[in-house]
C-alpha atoms as a PDB file:
ATOM      1  CA  UNK A   1      24.418  -4.710 -17.295  1.00  0.00           C
ATOM      2  CA  UNK A   2      24.571  -8.458 -17.689  1.00  0.00           C
ATOM      3  CA  UNK A   3      25.878 -10.696 -20.439  1.00  0.00           C
ATOM      4  CA  UNK A   4      23.676 -13.612 -21.456  1.00  0.00           C
ATOM      5  CA  UNK A   5      25.157 -15.434 -24.425  1.00  0.00           C
ATOM      6  CA  UNK A   6      26.002 -12.693 -26.894  1.00  0.00           C
ATOM      7  CA  UNK A   7      23.268 -10.390 -25.669  1.00  0.00           C
ATOM      8  CA  UNK A   8      23.779  -7.406 -23.397  1.00  0.00           C
ATOM      9  CA  UNK A   9      20.807  -6.752 -21.153  1.00  0.00           C
ATOM     10  CA  UNK A  10      20.178  -3.561 -19.228  1.00  0.00           C
ATOM     11  CA  UNK A  11      17.285  -1.523 -17.893  1.00  0.00           C
ATOM     12  CA  UNK A  12      17.186   1.921 -19.538  1.00  0.00           C
ATOM     13  CA  UNK A  13      16.651   5.076 -17.511  1.00  0.00           C
ATOM     14  CA  UNK A  14      18.387   3.897 -14.352  1.00  0.00           C
ATOM     15  CA  UNK A  15      21.595   5.379 -13.013  1.00  0.00           C
ATOM     16  CA  UNK A  16      22.357   2.064 -11.338  1.00  0.00           C
ATOM     17  CA  UNK A  17      21.868  -0.847 -13.731  1.00  0.00           C
ATOM     18  CA  UNK A  18      20.422  -4.043 -12.351  1.00  0.00           C
ATOM     19  CA  UNK A  19      21.918  -7.272 -13.627  1.00  0.00           C
ATOM     20  CA  UNK A  20      19.295  -9.634 -14.956  1.00  0.00           C
ATOM     21  CA  UNK A  21      20.288 -13.122 -16.056  1.00  0.00           C
ATOM     22  CA  UNK A  22      18.675 -16.091 -17.761  1.00  0.00           C
ATOM     23  CA  UNK A  23      16.129 -14.038 -19.658  1.00  0.00           C
ATOM     24  CA  UNK A  24      15.942 -12.823 -23.250  1.00  0.00           C
ATOM     25  CA  UNK A  25      15.710  -9.170 -24.152  1.00  0.00           C
ATOM     26  CA  UNK A  26      12.479  -9.726 -26.078  1.00  0.00           C
ATOM     27  CA  UNK A  27      10.895 -11.027 -22.882  1.00  0.00           C
ATOM     28  CA  UNK A  28      12.287  -8.154 -20.850  1.00  0.00           C
ATOM     29  CA  UNK A  29      11.214  -5.297 -23.098  1.00  0.00           C
ATOM     30  CA  UNK A  30       7.495  -5.250 -22.128  1.00  0.00           C
ATOM     31  CA  UNK A  31       8.472  -5.362 -18.459  1.00  0.00           C
ATOM     32  CA  UNK A  32      11.007  -2.558 -18.625  1.00  0.00           C
ATOM     33  CA  UNK A  33       8.440  -0.333 -20.320  1.00  0.00           C
ATOM     34  CA  UNK A  34       6.408  -0.615 -17.112  1.00  0.00           C
ATOM     35  CA  UNK A  35       9.267   0.606 -14.902  1.00  0.00           C
ATOM     36  CA  UNK A  36       8.871   4.086 -13.476  1.00  0.00           C
ATOM     37  CA  UNK A  37      11.777   6.423 -14.108  1.00  0.00           C
ATOM     38  CA  UNK A  38      12.266   9.494 -11.961  1.00  0.00           C
ATOM     39  CA  UNK A  39      14.562  12.315 -13.149  1.00  0.00           C
ATOM     40  CA  UNK A  40      15.082  12.818  -9.427  1.00  0.00           C
ATOM     41  CA  UNK A  41      14.296  10.301  -6.727  1.00  0.00           C
ATOM     42  CA  UNK A  42      11.108  11.229  -4.812  1.00  0.00           C
ATOM     43  CA  UNK A  43      13.125  11.290  -1.594  1.00  0.00           C
ATOM     44  CA  UNK A  44      14.968  14.391  -2.913  1.00  0.00           C
ATOM     45  CA  UNK A  45      11.701  16.204  -3.694  1.00  0.00           C
ATOM     46  CA  UNK A  46      10.326  15.847  -0.165  1.00  0.00           C
ATOM     47  CA  UNK A  47      10.932  17.704   3.084  1.00  0.00           C
ATOM     48  CA  UNK A  48      13.974  16.025   4.542  1.00  0.00           C
ATOM     49  CA  UNK A  49      12.260  14.992   7.775  1.00  0.00           C
ATOM     50  CA  UNK A  50       9.343  13.149   6.150  1.00  0.00           C
ATOM     51  CA  UNK A  51      11.154  10.118   4.649  1.00  0.00           C
ATOM     52  CA  UNK A  52      13.074   9.691   7.902  1.00  0.00           C
ATOM     53  CA  UNK A  53       9.888   9.599   9.969  1.00  0.00           C
ATOM     54  CA  UNK A  54       9.167   6.151  11.344  1.00  0.00           C
ATOM     55  CA  UNK A  55       5.442   5.532  11.360  1.00  0.00           C
ATOM     56  CA  UNK A  56       4.250   3.756  14.480  1.00  0.00           C
ATOM     57  CA  UNK A  57       1.998   0.907  13.402  1.00  0.00           C
ATOM     58  CA  UNK A  58      -0.060  -0.827  16.067  1.00  0.00           C
ATOM     59  CA  UNK A  59       0.164  -4.608  15.706  1.00  0.00           C
ATOM     60  CA  UNK A  60      -0.957  -5.580  19.216  1.00  0.00           C
ATOM     61  CA  UNK A  61      -4.657  -5.843  18.405  1.00  0.00           C
ATOM     62  CA  UNK A  62      -3.904  -7.774  15.212  1.00  0.00           C
ATOM     63  CA  UNK A  63      -1.821 -10.312  17.123  1.00  0.00           C
ATOM     64  CA  UNK A  64      -4.562 -10.610  19.738  1.00  0.00           C
ATOM     65  CA  UNK A  65      -7.153 -11.247  17.011  1.00  0.00           C
ATOM     66  CA  UNK A  66      -4.858 -13.802  15.409  1.00  0.00           C
ATOM     67  CA  UNK A  67      -4.885 -15.796  18.625  1.00  0.00           C
ATOM     68  CA  UNK A  68      -8.596 -15.332  19.322  1.00  0.00           C
ATOM     69  CA  UNK A  69     -11.141 -18.114  18.924  1.00  0.00           C
ATOM     70  CA  UNK A  70     -13.871 -15.528  18.258  1.00  0.00           C
ATOM     71  CA  UNK A  71     -11.950 -12.796  16.434  1.00  0.00           C
ATOM     72  CA  UNK A  72     -14.963 -11.052  14.872  1.00  0.00           C
ATOM     73  CA  UNK A  73     -16.793 -10.724  18.207  1.00  0.00           C
ATOM     74  CA  UNK A  74     -13.658  -9.692  20.090  1.00  0.00           C
ATOM     75  CA  UNK A  75     -12.791  -7.138  17.412  1.00  0.00           C
ATOM     76  CA  UNK A  76     -16.303  -5.632  17.522  1.00  0.00           C
ATOM     77  CA  UNK A  77     -16.018  -5.270  21.288  1.00  0.00           C
ATOM     78  CA  UNK A  78     -12.682  -3.449  20.971  1.00  0.00           C
ATOM     79  CA  UNK A  79     -14.123  -1.077  18.350  1.00  0.00           C
ATOM     80  CA  UNK A  80     -17.119  -0.292  20.584  1.00  0.00           C
ATOM     81  CA  UNK A  81     -15.060   0.262  23.730  1.00  0.00           C
ATOM     82  CA  UNK A  82     -11.334   0.996  23.551  1.00  0.00           C
ATOM     83  CA  UNK A  83     -11.417   2.560  20.062  1.00  0.00           C
ATOM     84  CA  UNK A  84     -14.919   4.045  20.032  1.00  0.00           C
ATOM     85  CA  UNK A  85     -13.719   7.651  19.595  1.00  0.00           C
ATOM     86  CA  UNK A  86     -12.043   6.893  16.256  1.00  0.00           C
ATOM     87  CA  UNK A  87     -13.356   6.822  12.710  1.00  0.00           C
ATOM     88  CA  UNK A  88     -12.218   3.538  11.166  1.00  0.00           C
ATOM     89  CA  UNK A  89     -11.144   3.037   7.554  1.00  0.00           C
ATOM     90  CA  UNK A  90     -10.387  -0.454   6.236  1.00  0.00           C
ATOM     91  CA  UNK A  91      -8.109  -1.040   3.254  1.00  0.00           C
ATOM     92  CA  UNK A  92      -7.185  -3.922   0.992  1.00  0.00           C
ATOM     93  CA  UNK A  93      -5.670  -4.845  -2.350  1.00  0.00           C
ATOM     94  CA  UNK A  94      -6.367  -7.734  -4.697  1.00  0.00           C
ATOM     95  CA  UNK A  95      -4.615  -9.417  -7.602  1.00  0.00           C
ATOM     96  CA  UNK A  96      -5.047 -12.716  -9.425  1.00  0.00           C
ATOM     97  CA  UNK A  97      -4.065 -14.282 -12.726  1.00  0.00           C
ATOM     98  CA  UNK A  98      -7.679 -14.227 -13.937  1.00  0.00           C
ATOM     99  CA  UNK A  99      -8.377 -10.590 -12.991  1.00  0.00           C
ATOM    100  CA  UNK A 100      -8.357  -7.789 -15.551  1.00  0.00           C
ATOM    101  CA  UNK A 101      -6.493  -5.451 -13.226  1.00  0.00           C
ATOM    102  CA  UNK A 102      -5.098  -5.099  -9.708  1.00  0.00           C
ATOM    103  CA  UNK A 103      -7.699  -3.760  -7.290  1.00  0.00           C
ATOM    104  CA  UNK A 104      -7.363  -1.349  -4.373  1.00  0.00           C
ATOM    105  CA  UNK A 105     -10.128  -0.358  -1.989  1.00  0.00           C
ATOM    106  CA  UNK A 106     -10.856   1.514   1.218  1.00  0.00           C
ATOM    107  CA  UNK A 107     -14.160   1.574   3.087  1.00  0.00           C
ATOM    108  CA  UNK A 108     -15.407   3.636   6.007  1.00  0.00           C
ATOM    109  CA  UNK A 109     -18.620   2.116   7.437  1.00  0.00           C
ATOM    110  CA  UNK A 110     -19.184   5.049   9.822  1.00  0.00           C
ATOM    111  CA  UNK A 111     -19.330   7.449   6.886  1.00  0.00           C
ATOM    112  CA  UNK A 112     -21.013   4.953   4.564  1.00  0.00           C
ATOM    113  CA  UNK A 113     -18.161   5.473   2.116  1.00  0.00           C
ATOM    114  CA  UNK A 114     -16.216   3.107  -0.083  1.00  0.00           C
ATOM    115  CA  UNK A 115     -13.630   3.991  -2.698  1.00  0.00           C
ATOM    116  CA  UNK A 116     -12.143   1.602  -5.232  1.00  0.00           C
ATOM    117  CA  UNK A 117      -9.444   1.885  -7.847  1.00  0.00           C
ATOM    118  CA  UNK A 118      -8.540  -0.505 -10.647  1.00  0.00           C
ATOM    119  CA  UNK A 119      -4.808  -0.383 -11.286  1.00  0.00           C
ATOM    120  CA  UNK A 120      -3.033  -1.792 -14.310  1.00  0.00           C
ATOM    121  CA  UNK A 121      -2.448  -5.539 -14.334  1.00  0.00           C
ATOM    122  CA  UNK A 122       1.321  -5.096 -13.860  1.00  0.00           C
ATOM    123  CA  UNK A 123       0.871  -3.388 -10.475  1.00  0.00           C
ATOM    124  CA  UNK A 124       1.935  -5.620  -7.593  1.00  0.00           C
ATOM    125  CA  UNK A 125      -0.224  -6.506  -4.592  1.00  0.00           C
ATOM    126  CA  UNK A 126       2.153  -4.396  -2.496  1.00  0.00           C
ATOM    127  CA  UNK A 127       1.461  -1.414  -4.774  1.00  0.00           C
ATOM    128  CA  UNK A 128      -2.294  -2.019  -4.441  1.00  0.00           C
ATOM    129  CA  UNK A 129      -2.165  -2.284  -0.646  1.00  0.00           C
ATOM    130  CA  UNK A 130      -0.078   0.891  -0.366  1.00  0.00           C
ATOM    131  CA  UNK A 131      -2.393   2.692  -2.803  1.00  0.00           C
ATOM    132  CA  UNK A 132      -5.399   1.699  -0.685  1.00  0.00           C
ATOM    133  CA  UNK A 133      -3.743   3.250   2.383  1.00  0.00           C
ATOM    134  CA  UNK A 134      -3.047   6.421   0.381  1.00  0.00           C
ATOM    135  CA  UNK A 135      -6.733   6.537  -0.623  1.00  0.00           C
ATOM    136  CA  UNK A 136      -7.736   6.122   3.030  1.00  0.00           C
ATOM    137  CA  UNK A 137      -5.518   8.974   4.210  1.00  0.00           C
ATOM    138  CA  UNK A 138      -6.890  11.179   1.412  1.00  0.00           C
ATOM    139  CA  UNK A 139     -10.365  10.393   2.744  1.00  0.00           C
ATOM    140  CA  UNK A 140      -9.320  11.308   6.289  1.00  0.00           C
ATOM    141  CA  UNK A 141      -7.830  14.606   5.121  1.00  0.00           C
ATOM    142  CA  UNK A 142     -11.268  15.650   3.845  1.00  0.00           C
ATOM    143  CA  UNK A 143     -12.398  15.854   7.485  1.00  0.00           C
ATOM    144  CA  UNK A 144      -9.270  16.211   9.638  1.00  0.00           C
ATOM    145  CA  UNK A 145     -11.136  17.229  12.786  1.00  0.00           C
ATOM    146  CA  UNK A 146     -11.777  13.554  13.588  1.00  0.00           C
ATOM    147  CA  UNK A 147      -9.207  11.006  14.801  1.00  0.00           C
ATOM    148  CA  UNK A 148      -8.784   8.045  12.453  1.00  0.00           C
ATOM    149  CA  UNK A 149      -7.504   4.508  12.474  1.00  0.00           C
ATOM    150  CA  UNK A 150      -6.581   3.012   9.114  1.00  0.00           C
ATOM    151  CA  UNK A 151      -6.587  -0.768   9.071  1.00  0.00           C
ATOM    152  CA  UNK A 152      -4.395  -2.784   6.727  1.00  0.00           C
ATOM    153  CA  UNK A 153      -3.606  -6.486   6.444  1.00  0.00           C
ATOM    154  CA  UNK A 154      -0.463  -5.813   4.415  1.00  0.00           C
ATOM    155  CA  UNK A 155       2.468  -6.861   6.573  1.00  0.00           C
ATOM    156  CA  UNK A 156       4.959  -5.793   3.889  1.00  0.00           C
ATOM    157  CA  UNK A 157       3.587  -2.236   3.891  1.00  0.00           C
ATOM    158  CA  UNK A 158       3.647  -2.149   7.691  1.00  0.00           C
ATOM    159  CA  UNK A 159       7.280  -3.278   7.721  1.00  0.00           C
ATOM    160  CA  UNK A 160       8.157  -0.668   5.092  1.00  0.00           C
ATOM    161  CA  UNK A 161       6.571   2.119   7.138  1.00  0.00           C
ATOM    162  CA  UNK A 162       8.524   1.077  10.221  1.00  0.00           C
ATOM    163  CA  UNK A 163      11.818   0.566   8.378  1.00  0.00           C
ATOM    164  CA  UNK A 164      14.884   2.800   8.356  1.00  0.00           C
ATOM    165  CA  UNK A 165      16.406   1.020   5.373  1.00  0.00           C
ATOM    166  CA  UNK A 166      17.434   3.620   2.726  1.00  0.00           C
ATOM    167  CA  UNK A 167      15.918   1.615  -0.141  1.00  0.00           C
ATOM    168  CA  UNK A 168      12.613   1.353   1.694  1.00  0.00           C
ATOM    169  CA  UNK A 169      12.284   4.949   2.872  1.00  0.00           C
ATOM    170  CA  UNK A 170      12.971   6.169  -0.687  1.00  0.00           C
ATOM    171  CA  UNK A 171      10.046   4.130  -2.096  1.00  0.00           C
ATOM    172  CA  UNK A 172       7.711   6.760  -3.588  1.00  0.00           C
ATOM    173  CA  UNK A 173       4.622   5.030  -2.163  1.00  0.00           C
ATOM    174  CA  UNK A 174       6.025   5.063   1.374  1.00  0.00           C
ATOM    175  CA  UNK A 175       7.014   8.703   0.937  1.00  0.00           C
ATOM    176  CA  UNK A 176       3.474   9.487  -0.278  1.00  0.00           C
ATOM    177  CA  UNK A 177       1.921   7.822   2.780  1.00  0.00           C
ATOM    178  CA  UNK A 178       4.238   9.675   5.163  1.00  0.00           C
ATOM    179  CA  UNK A 179       3.663  12.982   3.356  1.00  0.00           C
ATOM    180  CA  UNK A 180      -0.122  12.628   3.587  1.00  0.00           C
ATOM    181  CA  UNK A 181       0.031  11.684   7.277  1.00  0.00           C
ATOM    182  CA  UNK A 182       2.158  14.793   7.850  1.00  0.00           C
ATOM    183  CA  UNK A 183      -0.423  16.874   5.926  1.00  0.00           C
ATOM    184  CA  UNK A 184      -3.283  15.426   7.985  1.00  0.00           C
ATOM    185  CA  UNK A 185      -1.596  16.358  11.250  1.00  0.00           C
ATOM    186  CA  UNK A 186      -0.925  19.870   9.962  1.00  0.00           C
ATOM    187  CA  UNK A 187      -4.643  20.297   9.196  1.00  0.00           C
ATOM    188  CA  UNK A 188      -6.061  18.530  12.230  1.00  0.00           C
ATOM    189  CA  UNK A 189      -6.844  19.891  15.655  1.00  0.00           C
ATOM    190  CA  UNK A 190      -4.327  19.517  18.469  1.00  0.00           C
ATOM    191  CA  UNK A 191      -4.661  16.039  19.890  1.00  0.00           C
ATOM    192  CA  UNK A 192      -6.351  14.617  16.800  1.00  0.00           C
ATOM    193  CA  UNK A 193      -4.413  11.719  15.388  1.00  0.00           C
ATOM    194  CA  UNK A 194      -4.305   9.372  12.428  1.00  0.00           C
ATOM    195  CA  UNK A 195      -2.923   5.940  13.188  1.00  0.00           C
ATOM    196  CA  UNK A 196      -2.291   2.794  11.175  1.00  0.00           C
ATOM    197  CA  UNK A 197      -3.221  -0.577  12.655  1.00  0.00           C
ATOM    198  CA  UNK A 198      -2.334  -3.988  11.275  1.00  0.00           C
ATOM    199  CA  UNK A 199      -5.013  -6.663  11.123  1.00  0.00           C
ATOM    200  CA  UNK A 200      -4.221 -10.181   9.849  1.00  0.00           C
ATOM    201  CA  UNK A 201      -6.190 -11.320   6.774  1.00  0.00           C
ATOM    202  CA  UNK A 202      -8.734 -14.137   6.635  1.00  0.00           C
ATOM    203  CA  UNK A 203     -10.113 -13.661  10.152  1.00  0.00           C
ATOM    204  CA  UNK A 204     -13.681 -13.144   8.898  1.00  0.00           C
ATOM    205  CA  UNK A 205     -13.858  -9.706  10.472  1.00  0.00           C
ATOM    206  CA  UNK A 206     -16.833  -8.113   8.735  1.00  0.00           C
ATOM    207  CA  UNK A 207     -15.433  -4.680   7.857  1.00  0.00           C
ATOM    208  CA  UNK A 208     -12.135  -6.167   6.686  1.00  0.00           C
ATOM    209  CA  UNK A 209     -14.023  -8.680   4.533  1.00  0.00           C
ATOM    210  CA  UNK A 210     -15.979  -5.798   2.989  1.00  0.00           C
ATOM    211  CA  UNK A 211     -12.724  -4.089   1.990  1.00  0.00           C
ATOM    212  CA  UNK A 212     -11.413  -7.368   0.581  1.00  0.00           C
ATOM    213  CA  UNK A 213     -14.592  -7.878  -1.443  1.00  0.00           C
ATOM    214  CA  UNK A 214     -14.453  -4.300  -2.782  1.00  0.00           C
ATOM    215  CA  UNK A 215     -10.822  -4.749  -3.861  1.00  0.00           C
ATOM    216  CA  UNK A 216     -11.654  -8.034  -5.626  1.00  0.00           C
ATOM    217  CA  UNK A 217     -14.542  -6.371  -7.446  1.00  0.00           C
ATOM    218  CA  UNK A 218     -12.237  -3.528  -8.520  1.00  0.00           C
ATOM    219  CA  UNK A 219      -9.809  -6.104  -9.949  1.00  0.00           C
ATOM    220  CA  UNK A 220     -12.579  -7.395 -12.253  1.00  0.00           C
ATOM    221  CA  UNK A 221     -12.717  -4.071 -14.087  1.00  0.00           C
ATOM    222  CA  UNK A 222     -10.361  -2.661 -16.672  1.00  0.00           C
ATOM    223  CA  UNK A 223      -7.805  -0.372 -15.073  1.00  0.00           C
ATOM    224  CA  UNK A 224      -8.783   3.264 -14.566  1.00  0.00           C
ATOM    225  CA  UNK A 225      -5.346   4.300 -13.329  1.00  0.00           C
ATOM    226  CA  UNK A 226      -2.018   3.223 -14.767  1.00  0.00           C
ATOM    227  CA  UNK A 227       0.893   3.283 -12.359  1.00  0.00           C
ATOM    228  CA  UNK A 228       4.462   2.504 -13.229  1.00  0.00           C
ATOM    229  CA  UNK A 229       6.146  -0.312 -11.370  1.00  0.00           C
ATOM    230  CA  UNK A 230       9.187  -0.264  -9.154  1.00  0.00           C
ATOM    231  CA  UNK A 231      12.015  -2.609 -10.136  1.00  0.00           C
ATOM    232  CA  UNK A 232      11.241  -4.697  -7.044  1.00  0.00           C
ATOM    233  CA  UNK A 233       7.646  -5.164  -8.229  1.00  0.00           C
ATOM    234  CA  UNK A 234       8.864  -6.912 -11.362  1.00  0.00           C
ATOM    235  CA  UNK A 235      11.405  -9.176  -9.699  1.00  0.00           C
ATOM    236  CA  UNK A 236       8.970 -12.122  -9.314  1.00  0.00           C
ATOM    237  CA  UNK A 237       8.266 -11.988 -13.055  1.00  0.00           C
ATOM    238  CA  UNK A 238      11.989 -12.106 -13.810  1.00  0.00           C
ATOM    239  CA  UNK A 239      12.825 -15.132 -11.714  1.00  0.00           C
END
């Protein structure tokens, strides 16, 4: 709870109130209506080991591509040689002031599949990127006999998956990703794996550009899924 002039400001539905200053309640009300409220935190509704699992995210290839003068060619060579046994799924999210919604997309060229989702305008780019990864894992679960690599250019999601910070591991989107990865490995054959690889944006890598384009197209449509926002998603709007 925070006092601004004679007004008391608080976010309803939270056991721990966040102090917000220099804003009026009338400006806050539409934002607080978008906050998700859990009777119980998702971390308490999940097998205890899953939130504590640290997901290994490969960043080596991404760093190599970042320093490459011919990243698209070098990346294609790696896909055809070192990583040829994997099915590759590329993910991305998109938001802009002019867009009608926040877009999320995943594409799998080897299966000639692309999936898009138009989230509500209030959803953050982090939420879109994490949602795209969730969509990709759902796609992999449909055929768990193959090994998969899911590519993302979202450094914030990668850091969240690798983090042991209590606030991060209790994020419902991170828990969802870890839960689905756990489900995939339960369904898959022994030795079959699903891995997440980080790939920097704006390298003109064809498949990654296709995912980016699909996410931007999804953001042009009216939302077909409304997701509530975390408090952290709204912080930039409250500054």
